[in-house]
Full PDB file with SEQRES, HELIX, SHEET, SSBOND, CRYST1, ORIGX, SCALE, CONECT and MASTER records, all heavy atoms in Angstrom:
SEQRES   1 A   42  ALA THR ARG SER ASP GLY LYS PHE ASP PHE GLN PRO SER          
SEQRES   2 A   42  GLN THR SER GLY LYS SER ALA ARG LYS ILE VAL SER ASN          
SEQRES   3 A   42  ALA SER GLU SER ASP PRO GLY GLY GLY SER LEU LEU SER          
SEQRES   4 A   42  PHE TRP VAL                                                  
HELIX    1 AA1 GLN A   14  SER A   16  5                                   3    
SHEET    1 AA1 2 PHE A   8  PHE A  10  0                                        
SHEET    2 AA1 2 LYS A  22  VAL A  24 -1                                        
CRYST1    1.000    1.000    1.000  90.00  90.00  90.00 P 1           1          
ORIGX1      1.000000  0.000000  0.000000        0.00000                         
ORIGX2      0.000000  1.000000  0.000000        0.00000                         
ORIGX3      0.000000  0.000000  1.000000        0.00000                         
SCALE1      1.000000  0.000000  0.000000        0.00000                         
SCALE2      0.000000  1.000000  0.000000        0.00000                         
SCALE3      0.000000  0.000000  1.000000        0.00000                         
ATOM      1  N   ALA A   1      -1.221  -5.636  -4.528  1.00  0.00           N  
ATOM      2  CA  ALA A   1      -1.068  -6.311  -3.239  1.00  0.00           C  
ATOM      3  C   ALA A   1      -0.016  -7.398  -3.348  1.00  0.00           C  
ATOM      4  O   ALA A   1      -0.045  -8.205  -4.292  1.00  0.00           O  
ATOM      5  CB  ALA A   1      -2.399  -6.917  -2.794  1.00  0.00           C  
ATOM      6  N   THR A   2       0.906  -7.429  -2.397  1.00  0.00           N  
ATOM      7  CA  THR A   2       1.918  -8.467  -2.391  1.00  0.00           C  
ATOM      8  C   THR A   2       1.288  -9.817  -2.092  1.00  0.00           C  
ATOM      9  O   THR A   2       0.268  -9.912  -1.404  1.00  0.00           O  
ATOM     10  CB  THR A   2       3.024  -8.148  -1.365  1.00  0.00           C  
ATOM     11  OG1 THR A   2       4.130  -9.008  -1.578  1.00  0.00           O  
ATOM     12  CG2 THR A   2       2.514  -8.326   0.058  1.00  0.00           C  
ATOM     13  N   ARG A   3       1.887 -10.861  -2.638  1.00  0.00           N  
ATOM     14  CA  ARG A   3       1.412 -12.224  -2.473  1.00  0.00           C  
ATOM     15  C   ARG A   3       2.387 -13.004  -1.592  1.00  0.00           C  
ATOM     16  O   ARG A   3       3.502 -12.567  -1.324  1.00  0.00           O  
ATOM     17  CB  ARG A   3       1.300 -12.901  -3.842  1.00  0.00           C  
ATOM     18  CG  ARG A   3       0.266 -12.286  -4.759  1.00  0.00           C  
ATOM     19  CD  ARG A   3       0.565 -12.560  -6.232  1.00  0.00           C  
ATOM     20  NE  ARG A   3       0.956 -13.923  -6.498  1.00  0.00           N  
ATOM     21  CZ  ARG A   3       0.140 -14.878  -6.968  1.00  0.00           C  
ATOM     22  NH1 ARG A   3      -1.127 -14.576  -7.229  1.00  0.00           N  
ATOM     23  NH2 ARG A   3       0.582 -16.093  -7.206  1.00  0.00           N  
ATOM     24  N   SER A   4       1.962 -14.171  -1.171  1.00  0.00           N  
ATOM     25  CA  SER A   4       2.813 -15.007  -0.334  1.00  0.00           C  
ATOM     26  C   SER A   4       4.070 -15.458  -1.063  1.00  0.00           C  
ATOM     27  O   SER A   4       5.101 -15.717  -0.430  1.00  0.00           O  
ATOM     28  CB  SER A   4       2.027 -16.234   0.144  1.00  0.00           C  
ATOM     29  OG  SER A   4       0.907 -15.845   0.913  1.00  0.00           O  
ATOM     30  N   ASP A   5       4.013 -15.541  -2.416  1.00  0.00           N  
ATOM     31  CA  ASP A   5       5.179 -15.962  -3.187  1.00  0.00           C  
ATOM     32  C   ASP A   5       6.113 -14.806  -3.520  1.00  0.00           C  
ATOM     33  O   ASP A   5       7.096 -14.981  -4.244  1.00  0.00           O  
ATOM     34  CB  ASP A   5       4.749 -16.671  -4.475  1.00  0.00           C  
ATOM     35  CG  ASP A   5       3.907 -15.790  -5.393  1.00  0.00           C  
ATOM     36  OD1 ASP A   5       3.766 -14.581  -5.116  1.00  0.00           O  
ATOM     37  OD2 ASP A   5       3.387 -16.324  -6.399  1.00  0.00           O  
ATOM     38  N   GLY A   6       5.816 -13.609  -3.009  1.00  0.00           N  
ATOM     39  CA  GLY A   6       6.680 -12.458  -3.233  1.00  0.00           C  
ATOM     40  C   GLY A   6       6.324 -11.634  -4.452  1.00  0.00           C  
ATOM     41  O   GLY A   6       6.838 -10.523  -4.623  1.00  0.00           O  
ATOM     42  N   LYS A   7       5.461 -12.156  -5.321  1.00  0.00           N  
ATOM     43  CA  LYS A   7       5.009 -11.391  -6.476  1.00  0.00           C  
ATOM     44  C   LYS A   7       3.839 -10.498  -6.068  1.00  0.00           C  
ATOM     45  O   LYS A   7       3.352 -10.545  -4.939  1.00  0.00           O  
ATOM     46  CB  LYS A   7       4.615 -12.325  -7.609  1.00  0.00           C  
ATOM     47  CG  LYS A   7       5.768 -13.156  -8.149  1.00  0.00           C  
ATOM     48  CD  LYS A   7       5.332 -14.047  -9.296  1.00  0.00           C  
ATOM     49  CE  LYS A   7       6.516 -14.852  -9.837  1.00  0.00           C  
ATOM     50  NZ  LYS A   7       6.126 -15.719 -10.971  1.00  0.00           N  
ATOM     51  N   PHE A   8       3.373  -9.666  -6.999  1.00  0.00           N  
ATOM     52  CA  PHE A   8       2.250  -8.768  -6.737  1.00  0.00           C  
ATOM     53  C   PHE A   8       1.022  -9.194  -7.525  1.00  0.00           C  
ATOM     54  O   PHE A   8       1.130  -9.631  -8.678  1.00  0.00           O  
ATOM     55  CB  PHE A   8       2.603  -7.332  -7.136  1.00  0.00           C  
ATOM     56  CG  PHE A   8       3.498  -6.618  -6.171  1.00  0.00           C  
ATOM     57  CD1 PHE A   8       4.856  -6.497  -6.421  1.00  0.00           C  
ATOM     58  CD2 PHE A   8       2.991  -6.063  -5.009  1.00  0.00           C  
ATOM     59  CE1 PHE A   8       5.696  -5.836  -5.542  1.00  0.00           C  
ATOM     60  CE2 PHE A   8       3.811  -5.393  -4.122  1.00  0.00           C  
ATOM     61  CZ  PHE A   8       5.169  -5.277  -4.387  1.00  0.00           C  
ATOM     62  N   ASP A   9      -0.124  -9.070  -6.916  1.00  0.00           N  
ATOM     63  CA  ASP A   9      -1.403  -9.192  -7.612  1.00  0.00           C  
ATOM     64  C   ASP A   9      -1.837  -7.776  -7.961  1.00  0.00           C  
ATOM     65  O   ASP A   9      -1.946  -6.929  -7.073  1.00  0.00           O  
ATOM     66  CB  ASP A   9      -2.436  -9.869  -6.710  1.00  0.00           C  
ATOM     67  CG  ASP A   9      -3.668 -10.323  -7.467  1.00  0.00           C  
ATOM     68  OD1 ASP A   9      -3.668 -10.241  -8.716  1.00  0.00           O  
ATOM     69  OD2 ASP A   9      -4.632 -10.749  -6.813  1.00  0.00           O  
ATOM     70  N   PHE A  10      -2.075  -7.524  -9.229  1.00  0.00           N  
ATOM     71  CA  PHE A  10      -2.343  -6.166  -9.701  1.00  0.00           C  
ATOM     72  C   PHE A  10      -3.689  -6.105 -10.409  1.00  0.00           C  
ATOM     73  O   PHE A  10      -3.951  -6.874 -11.329  1.00  0.00           O  
ATOM     74  CB  PHE A  10      -1.227  -5.713 -10.647  1.00  0.00           C  
ATOM     75  CG  PHE A  10      -1.461  -4.379 -11.318  1.00  0.00           C  
ATOM     76  CD1 PHE A  10      -1.850  -3.267 -10.581  1.00  0.00           C  
ATOM     77  CD2 PHE A  10      -1.279  -4.244 -12.682  1.00  0.00           C  
ATOM     78  CE1 PHE A  10      -2.063  -2.041 -11.195  1.00  0.00           C  
ATOM     79  CE2 PHE A  10      -1.484  -3.023 -13.314  1.00  0.00           C  
ATOM     80  CZ  PHE A  10      -1.877  -1.921 -12.570  1.00  0.00           C  
ATOM     81  N   GLN A  11      -4.530  -5.195  -9.971  1.00  0.00           N  
ATOM     82  CA  GLN A  11      -5.806  -4.912 -10.627  1.00  0.00           C  
ATOM     83  C   GLN A  11      -5.727  -3.534 -11.256  1.00  0.00           C  
ATOM     84  O   GLN A  11      -5.823  -2.523 -10.555  1.00  0.00           O  
ATOM     85  CB  GLN A  11      -6.959  -4.965  -9.624  1.00  0.00           C  
ATOM     86  CG  GLN A  11      -8.301  -4.500 -10.189  1.00  0.00           C  
ATOM     87  CD  GLN A  11      -8.824  -5.443 -11.260  1.00  0.00           C  
ATOM     88  OE1 GLN A  11      -9.068  -6.611 -10.988  1.00  0.00           O  
ATOM     89  NE2 GLN A  11      -8.993  -4.944 -12.475  1.00  0.00           N  
ATOM     90  N   PRO A  12      -5.520  -3.444 -12.583  1.00  0.00           N  
ATOM     91  CA  PRO A  12      -5.507  -2.122 -13.231  1.00  0.00           C  
ATOM     92  C   PRO A  12      -6.902  -1.509 -13.212  1.00  0.00           C  
ATOM     93  O   PRO A  12      -7.911  -2.193 -13.055  1.00  0.00           O  
ATOM     94  CB  PRO A  12      -5.061  -2.431 -14.666  1.00  0.00           C  
ATOM     95  CG  PRO A  12      -4.543  -3.831 -14.639  1.00  0.00           C  
ATOM     96  CD  PRO A  12      -5.263  -4.521 -13.531  1.00  0.00           C  
ATOM     97  N   SER A  13      -6.957  -0.210 -13.373  1.00  0.00           N  
ATOM     98  CA  SER A  13      -8.251   0.458 -13.489  1.00  0.00           C  
ATOM     99  C   SER A  13      -8.822   0.219 -14.878  1.00  0.00           C  
ATOM    100  O   SER A  13      -8.091  -0.066 -15.836  1.00  0.00           O  
ATOM    101  CB  SER A  13      -8.103   1.960 -13.249  1.00  0.00           C  
ATOM    102  OG  SER A  13      -7.422   2.571 -14.331  1.00  0.00           O  
ATOM    103  N   GLN A  14     -10.139   0.352 -14.985  1.00  0.00           N  
ATOM    104  CA  GLN A  14     -10.763   0.222 -16.303  1.00  0.00           C  
ATOM    105  C   GLN A  14     -10.379   1.375 -17.219  1.00  0.00           C  
ATOM    106  O   GLN A  14     -10.377   1.223 -18.439  1.00  0.00           O  
ATOM    107  CB  GLN A  14     -12.286   0.135 -16.161  1.00  0.00           C  
ATOM    108  CG  GLN A  14     -12.755  -1.187 -15.594  1.00  0.00           C  
ATOM    109  CD  GLN A  14     -14.262  -1.316 -15.621  1.00  0.00           C  
ATOM    110  OE1 GLN A  14     -14.987  -0.329 -15.517  1.00  0.00           O  
ATOM    111  NE2 GLN A  14     -14.753  -2.533 -15.750  1.00  0.00           N  
ATOM    112  N   THR A  15     -10.014   2.518 -16.645  1.00  0.00           N  
ATOM    113  CA  THR A  15      -9.620   3.652 -17.477  1.00  0.00           C  
ATOM    114  C   THR A  15      -8.284   3.405 -18.167  1.00  0.00           C  
ATOM    115  O   THR A  15      -7.956   4.073 -19.150  1.00  0.00           O  
ATOM    116  CB  THR A  15      -9.517   4.945 -16.643  1.00  0.00           C  
ATOM    117  OG1 THR A  15      -8.608   4.735 -15.551  1.00  0.00           O  
ATOM    118  CG2 THR A  15     -10.875   5.335 -16.093  1.00  0.00           C  
ATOM    119  N   SER A  16      -7.510   2.429 -17.677  1.00  0.00           N  
ATOM    120  CA  SER A  16      -6.246   2.103 -18.330  1.00  0.00           C  
ATOM    121  C   SER A  16      -6.457   1.302 -19.598  1.00  0.00           C  
ATOM    122  O   SER A  16      -5.546   1.158 -20.412  1.00  0.00           O  
ATOM    123  CB  SER A  16      -5.344   1.302 -17.384  1.00  0.00           C  
ATOM    124  OG  SER A  16      -5.832  -0.023 -17.241  1.00  0.00           O  
ATOM    125  N   GLY A  17      -7.676   0.763 -19.767  1.00  0.00           N  
ATOM    126  CA  GLY A  17      -7.957  -0.090 -20.914  1.00  0.00           C  
ATOM    127  C   GLY A  17      -7.556  -1.532 -20.679  1.00  0.00           C  
ATOM    128  O   GLY A  17      -7.706  -2.371 -21.561  1.00  0.00           O  
ATOM    129  N   LYS A  18      -7.052  -1.834 -19.470  1.00  0.00           N  
ATOM    130  CA  LYS A  18      -6.622  -3.193 -19.137  1.00  0.00           C  
ATOM    131  C   LYS A  18      -7.193  -3.539 -17.774  1.00  0.00           C  
ATOM    132  O   LYS A  18      -6.509  -3.472 -16.762  1.00  0.00           O  
ATOM    133  CB  LYS A  18      -5.102  -3.288 -19.125  1.00  0.00           C  
ATOM    134  CG  LYS A  18      -4.441  -2.962 -20.456  1.00  0.00           C  
ATOM    135  CD  LYS A  18      -2.925  -3.052 -20.350  1.00  0.00           C  
ATOM    136  CE  LYS A  18      -2.267  -2.716 -21.681  1.00  0.00           C  
ATOM    137  NZ  LYS A  18      -0.785  -2.790 -21.605  1.00  0.00           N  
ATOM    138  N   SER A  19      -8.454  -3.916 -17.762  1.00  0.00           N  
ATOM    139  CA  SER A  19      -9.131  -4.107 -16.477  1.00  0.00           C  
ATOM    140  C   SER A  19      -8.947  -5.508 -15.910  1.00  0.00           C  
ATOM    141  O   SER A  19      -9.284  -5.751 -14.760  1.00  0.00           O  
ATOM    142  CB  SER A  19     -10.628  -3.809 -16.639  1.00  0.00           C  
ATOM    143  OG  SER A  19     -11.205  -4.679 -17.606  1.00  0.00           O  
ATOM    144  N   ALA A  20      -8.414  -6.461 -16.690  1.00  0.00           N  
ATOM    145  CA  ALA A  20      -8.255  -7.815 -16.179  1.00  0.00           C  
ATOM    146  C   ALA A  20      -7.140  -7.869 -15.144  1.00  0.00           C  
ATOM    147  O   ALA A  20      -6.086  -7.254 -15.309  1.00  0.00           O  
ATOM    148  CB  ALA A  20      -7.953  -8.776 -17.329  1.00  0.00           C  
ATOM    149  N   ARG A  21      -7.360  -8.602 -14.062  1.00  0.00           N  
ATOM    150  CA  ARG A  21      -6.359  -8.748 -13.018  1.00  0.00           C  
ATOM    151  C   ARG A  21      -5.177  -9.566 -13.528  1.00  0.00           C  
ATOM    152  O   ARG A  21      -5.338 -10.491 -14.323  1.00  0.00           O  
ATOM    153  CB  ARG A  21      -6.990  -9.426 -11.802  1.00  0.00           C  
ATOM    154  CG  ARG A  21      -6.126  -9.417 -10.563  1.00  0.00           C  
ATOM    155  CD  ARG A  21      -6.891  -9.966  -9.371  1.00  0.00           C  
ATOM    156  NE  ARG A  21      -8.054  -9.165  -9.043  1.00  0.00           N  
ATOM    157  CZ  ARG A  21      -8.827  -9.376  -7.988  1.00  0.00           C  
ATOM    158  NH1 ARG A  21      -8.557 -10.368  -7.172  1.00  0.00           N  
ATOM    159  NH2 ARG A  21      -9.866  -8.604  -7.747  1.00  0.00           N  
ATOM    160  N   LYS A  22      -3.969  -9.244 -13.075  1.00  0.00           N  
ATOM    161  CA  LYS A  22      -2.799  -9.993 -13.504  1.00  0.00           C  
ATOM    162  C   LYS A  22      -1.771 -10.035 -12.385  1.00  0.00           C  
ATOM    163  O   LYS A  22      -1.850  -9.284 -11.406  1.00  0.00           O  
ATOM    164  CB  LYS A  22      -2.187  -9.383 -14.756  1.00  0.00           C  
ATOM    165  CG  LYS A  22      -1.658  -7.961 -14.586  1.00  0.00           C  
ATOM    166  CD  LYS A  22      -1.038  -7.466 -15.893  1.00  0.00           C  
ATOM    167  CE  LYS A  22      -0.440  -6.078 -15.733  1.00  0.00           C  
ATOM    168  NZ  LYS A  22       0.216  -5.625 -16.989  1.00  0.00           N  
ATOM    169  N   ILE A  23      -0.797 -10.906 -12.545  1.00  0.00           N  
ATOM    170  CA  ILE A  23       0.281 -11.050 -11.576  1.00  0.00           C  
ATOM    171  C   ILE A  23       1.532 -10.426 -12.163  1.00  0.00           C  
ATOM    172  O   ILE A  23       1.881 -10.660 -13.324  1.00  0.00           O  
ATOM    173  CB  ILE A  23       0.533 -12.531 -11.248  1.00  0.00           C  
ATOM    174  CG1 ILE A  23      -0.724 -13.155 -10.632  1.00  0.00           C  
ATOM    175  CG2 ILE A  23       1.715 -12.685 -10.292  1.00  0.00           C  
ATOM    176  CD1 ILE A  23      -0.634 -14.651 -10.466  1.00  0.00           C  
ATOM    177  N   VAL A  24       2.209  -9.604 -11.379  1.00  0.00           N  
ATOM    178  CA  VAL A  24       3.462  -8.993 -11.816  1.00  0.00           C  
ATOM    179  C   VAL A  24       4.557  -9.392 -10.831  1.00  0.00           C  
ATOM    180  O   VAL A  24       4.301  -9.605  -9.650  1.00  0.00           O  
ATOM    181  CB  VAL A  24       3.350  -7.455 -11.911  1.00  0.00           C  
ATOM    182  CG1 VAL A  24       2.345  -7.066 -12.984  1.00  0.00           C  
ATOM    183  CG2 VAL A  24       2.945  -6.845 -10.580  1.00  0.00           C  
ATOM    184  N   SER A  25       5.782  -9.511 -11.336  1.00  0.00           N  
ATOM    185  CA  SER A  25       6.872  -9.998 -10.493  1.00  0.00           C  
ATOM    186  C   SER A  25       7.343  -8.959  -9.495  1.00  0.00           C  
ATOM    187  O   SER A  25       7.769  -9.276  -8.393  1.00  0.00           O  
ATOM    188  CB  SER A  25       8.045 -10.459 -11.358  1.00  0.00           C  
ATOM    189  OG  SER A  25       8.517  -9.383 -12.165  1.00  0.00           O  
ATOM    190  N   ASN A  26       7.269  -7.668  -9.883  1.00  0.00           N  
ATOM    191  CA  ASN A  26       7.660  -6.613  -8.955  1.00  0.00           C  
ATOM    192  C   ASN A  26       7.029  -5.300  -9.390  1.00  0.00           C  
ATOM    193  O   ASN A  26       6.404  -5.217 -10.457  1.00  0.00           O  
ATOM    194  CB  ASN A  26       9.180  -6.480  -8.878  1.00  0.00           C  
ATOM    195  CG  ASN A  26       9.808  -6.294 -10.249  1.00  0.00           C  
ATOM    196  OD1 ASN A  26       9.496  -5.337 -10.944  1.00  0.00           O  
ATOM    197  ND2 ASN A  26      10.678  -7.212 -10.645  1.00  0.00           N  
ATOM    198  N   ALA A  27       7.182  -4.281  -8.561  1.00  0.00           N  
ATOM    199  CA  ALA A  27       6.518  -3.003  -8.810  1.00  0.00           C  
ATOM    200  C   ALA A  27       7.190  -2.196  -9.907  1.00  0.00           C  
ATOM    201  O   ALA A  27       6.718  -1.105 -10.246  1.00  0.00           O  
ATOM    202  CB  ALA A  27       6.465  -2.179  -7.527  1.00  0.00           C  
ATOM    203  N   SER A  28       8.285  -2.683 -10.462  1.00  0.00           N  
ATOM    204  CA  SER A  28       8.976  -1.925 -11.504  1.00  0.00           C  
ATOM    205  C   SER A  28       8.527  -2.319 -12.911  1.00  0.00           C  
ATOM    206  O   SER A  28       9.068  -1.826 -13.892  1.00  0.00           O  
ATOM    207  CB  SER A  28      10.491  -2.129 -11.375  1.00  0.00           C  
ATOM    208  OG  SER A  28      10.831  -3.480 -11.617  1.00  0.00           O  
ATOM    209  N   GLU A  29       7.554  -3.212 -13.012  1.00  0.00           N  
ATOM    210  CA  GLU A  29       7.074  -3.625 -14.326  1.00  0.00           C  
ATOM    211  C   GLU A  29       6.333  -2.487 -15.015  1.00  0.00           C  
ATOM    212  O   GLU A  29       6.005  -1.471 -14.429  1.00  0.00           O  
ATOM    213  CB  GLU A  29       6.193  -4.866 -14.192  1.00  0.00           C  
ATOM    214  CG  GLU A  29       6.958  -6.080 -13.707  1.00  0.00           C  
ATOM    215  CD  GLU A  29       6.315  -7.378 -14.128  1.00  0.00           C  
ATOM    216  OE1 GLU A  29       5.420  -7.357 -14.980  1.00  0.00           O  
ATOM    217  OE2 GLU A  29       6.732  -8.427 -13.606  1.00  0.00           O  
ATOM    218  N   SER A  30       6.049  -2.688 -16.286  1.00  0.00           N  
ATOM    219  CA  SER A  30       5.425  -1.662 -17.109  1.00  0.00           C  
ATOM    220  C   SER A  30       4.124  -1.162 -16.489  1.00  0.00           C  
ATOM    221  O   SER A  30       3.281  -1.948 -16.057  1.00  0.00           O  
ATOM    222  CB  SER A  30       5.157  -2.228 -18.502  1.00  0.00           C  
ATOM    223  OG  SER A  30       4.496  -1.289 -19.312  1.00  0.00           O  
ATOM    224  N   ASP A  31       3.986   0.154 -16.444  1.00  0.00           N  
ATOM    225  CA  ASP A  31       2.815   0.790 -15.840  1.00  0.00           C  
ATOM    226  C   ASP A  31       1.777   1.056 -16.929  1.00  0.00           C  
ATOM    227  O   ASP A  31       2.035   1.807 -17.870  1.00  0.00           O  
ATOM    228  CB  ASP A  31       3.238   2.101 -15.173  1.00  0.00           C  
ATOM    229  CG  ASP A  31       2.147   2.698 -14.296  1.00  0.00           C  
ATOM    230  OD1 ASP A  31       0.965   2.344 -14.490  1.00  0.00           O  
ATOM    231  OD2 ASP A  31       2.478   3.521 -13.432  1.00  0.00           O  
ATOM    232  N   PRO A  32       0.558   0.482 -16.809  1.00  0.00           N  
ATOM    233  CA  PRO A  32      -0.468   0.710 -17.829  1.00  0.00           C  
ATOM    234  C   PRO A  32      -1.176   2.045 -17.707  1.00  0.00           C  
ATOM    235  O   PRO A  32      -1.974   2.411 -18.567  1.00  0.00           O  
ATOM    236  CB  PRO A  32      -1.446  -0.440 -17.595  1.00  0.00           C  
ATOM    237  CG  PRO A  32      -1.357  -0.681 -16.127  1.00  0.00           C  
ATOM    238  CD  PRO A  32       0.092  -0.450 -15.775  1.00  0.00           C  
ATOM    239  N   GLY A  33      -0.894   2.795 -16.630  1.00  0.00           N  
ATOM    240  CA  GLY A  33      -1.552   4.091 -16.433  1.00  0.00           C  
ATOM    241  C   GLY A  33      -2.971   3.937 -15.928  1.00  0.00           C  
ATOM    242  O   GLY A  33      -3.360   2.924 -15.379  1.00  0.00           O  
ATOM    243  N   GLY A  34      -3.769   5.001 -16.151  1.00  0.00           N  
ATOM    244  CA  GLY A  34      -5.139   4.991 -15.669  1.00  0.00           C  
ATOM    245  C   GLY A  34      -5.226   5.226 -14.181  1.00  0.00           C  
ATOM    246  O   GLY A  34      -6.013   4.595 -13.482  1.00  0.00           O  
ATOM    247  N   GLY A  35      -4.384   6.128 -13.686  1.00  0.00           N  
ATOM    248  CA  GLY A  35      -4.223   6.300 -12.254  1.00  0.00           C  
ATOM    249  C   GLY A  35      -5.262   7.171 -11.576  1.00  0.00           C  
ATOM    250  O   GLY A  35      -6.260   7.588 -12.170  1.00  0.00           O  
ATOM    251  N   SER A  36      -4.990   7.440 -10.318  1.00  0.00           N  
ATOM    252  CA  SER A  36      -5.795   8.307  -9.467  1.00  0.00           C  
ATOM    253  C   SER A  36      -4.872   9.393  -8.941  1.00  0.00           C  
ATOM    254  O   SER A  36      -3.672   9.160  -8.766  1.00  0.00           O  
ATOM    255  CB  SER A  36      -6.389   7.506  -8.308  1.00  0.00           C  
ATOM    256  OG  SER A  36      -7.014   8.334  -7.362  1.00  0.00           O  
ATOM    257  N   LEU A  37      -5.397  10.578  -8.679  1.00  0.00           N  
ATOM    258  CA  LEU A  37      -4.559  11.656  -8.162  1.00  0.00           C  
ATOM    259  C   LEU A  37      -3.930  11.264  -6.826  1.00  0.00           C  
ATOM    260  O   LEU A  37      -2.755  11.523  -6.574  1.00  0.00           O  
ATOM    261  CB  LEU A  37      -5.386  12.931  -7.997  1.00  0.00           C  
ATOM    262  CG  LEU A  37      -4.659  14.152  -7.415  1.00  0.00           C  
ATOM    263  CD1 LEU A  37      -3.506  14.577  -8.316  1.00  0.00           C  
ATOM    264  CD2 LEU A  37      -5.638  15.309  -7.207  1.00  0.00           C  
ATOM    265  N   LEU A  38      -4.713  10.616  -5.965  1.00  0.00           N  
ATOM    266  CA  LEU A  38      -4.250  10.183  -4.650  1.00  0.00           C  
ATOM    267  C   LEU A  38      -4.245   8.665  -4.566  1.00  0.00           C  
ATOM    268  O   LEU A  38      -5.101   8.007  -5.174  1.00  0.00           O  
ATOM    269  CB  LEU A  38      -5.146  10.747  -3.552  1.00  0.00           C  
ATOM    270  CG  LEU A  38      -5.287  12.272  -3.486  1.00  0.00           C  
ATOM    271  CD1 LEU A  38      -6.350  12.656  -2.456  1.00  0.00           C  
ATOM    272  CD2 LEU A  38      -3.953  12.921  -3.151  1.00  0.00           C  
ATOM    273  N   SER A  39      -3.315   8.120  -3.815  1.00  0.00           N  
ATOM    274  CA  SER A  39      -3.256   6.677  -3.571  1.00  0.00           C  
ATOM    275  C   SER A  39      -2.883   6.441  -2.121  1.00  0.00           C  
ATOM    276  O   SER A  39      -1.970   7.082  -1.591  1.00  0.00           O  
ATOM    277  CB  SER A  39      -2.219   6.002  -4.471  1.00  0.00           C  
ATOM    278  OG  SER A  39      -2.514   6.176  -5.835  1.00  0.00           O  
ATOM    279  N   PHE A  40      -3.582   5.513  -1.471  1.00  0.00           N  
ATOM    280  CA  PHE A  40      -3.201   5.078  -0.132  1.00  0.00           C  
ATOM    281  C   PHE A  40      -2.273   3.878  -0.247  1.00  0.00           C  
ATOM    282  O   PHE A  40      -2.319   3.135  -1.227  1.00  0.00           O  
ATOM    283  CB  PHE A  40      -4.440   4.709   0.687  1.00  0.00           C  
ATOM    284  CG  PHE A  40      -5.312   5.882   1.020  1.00  0.00           C  
ATOM    285  CD1 PHE A  40      -6.531   6.059   0.392  1.00  0.00           C  
ATOM    286  CD2 PHE A  40      -4.918   6.811   1.976  1.00  0.00           C  
ATOM    287  CE1 PHE A  40      -7.340   7.147   0.698  1.00  0.00           C  
ATOM    288  CE2 PHE A  40      -5.723   7.899   2.288  1.00  0.00           C  
ATOM    289  CZ  PHE A  40      -6.930   8.064   1.649  1.00  0.00           C  
ATOM    290  N   TRP A  41      -1.447   3.678   0.775  1.00  0.00           N  
ATOM    291  CA  TRP A  41      -0.508   2.567   0.744  1.00  0.00           C  
ATOM    292  C   TRP A  41      -0.188   2.086   2.152  1.00  0.00           C  
ATOM    293  O   TRP A  41      -0.342   2.807   3.140  1.00  0.00           O  
ATOM    294  CB  TRP A  41       0.793   2.955   0.032  1.00  0.00           C  
ATOM    295  CG  TRP A  41       1.415   4.260   0.499  1.00  0.00           C  
ATOM    296  CD1 TRP A  41       1.257   5.490  -0.054  1.00  0.00           C  
ATOM    297  CD2 TRP A  41       2.285   4.450   1.636  1.00  0.00           C  
ATOM    298  NE1 TRP A  41       1.981   6.439   0.645  1.00  0.00           N  
ATOM    299  CE2 TRP A  41       2.627   5.830   1.683  1.00  0.00           C  
ATOM    300  CE3 TRP A  41       2.834   3.599   2.596  1.00  0.00           C  
ATOM    301  CZ2 TRP A  41       3.463   6.359   2.663  1.00  0.00           C  
ATOM    302  CZ3 TRP A  41       3.664   4.133   3.579  1.00  0.00           C  
ATOM    303  CH2 TRP A  41       3.973   5.497   3.590  1.00  0.00           C  
ATOM    304  N   VAL A  42       0.250   0.841   2.219  1.00  0.00           N  
ATOM    305  CA  VAL A  42       0.820   0.267   3.442  1.00  0.00           C  
ATOM    306  C   VAL A  42       2.115  -0.407   3.043  1.00  0.00           C  
ATOM    307  O   VAL A  42       2.164  -1.172   2.088  1.00  0.00           O  
ATOM    308  CB  VAL A  42      -0.127  -0.759   4.100  1.00  0.00           C  
ATOM    309  CG1 VAL A  42       0.591  -1.512   5.214  1.00  0.00           C  
ATOM    310  CG2 VAL A  42      -1.366  -0.072   4.662  1.00  0.00           C  
TER     311      VAL A  42                                                      
MASTER        0    0    0    1    2    0    0    6  310    1    0    4          
END                                                                             
């Protein structure tokens, strides 16, 4: 989810092995995986 400061708040899945929430500067940062077949977006 985008934040007011322009960065993203990211909650990885527990299947990625990195379940702690973190802030990323943009969507091009390293992907920890642990995805879903389908994803909704706005």
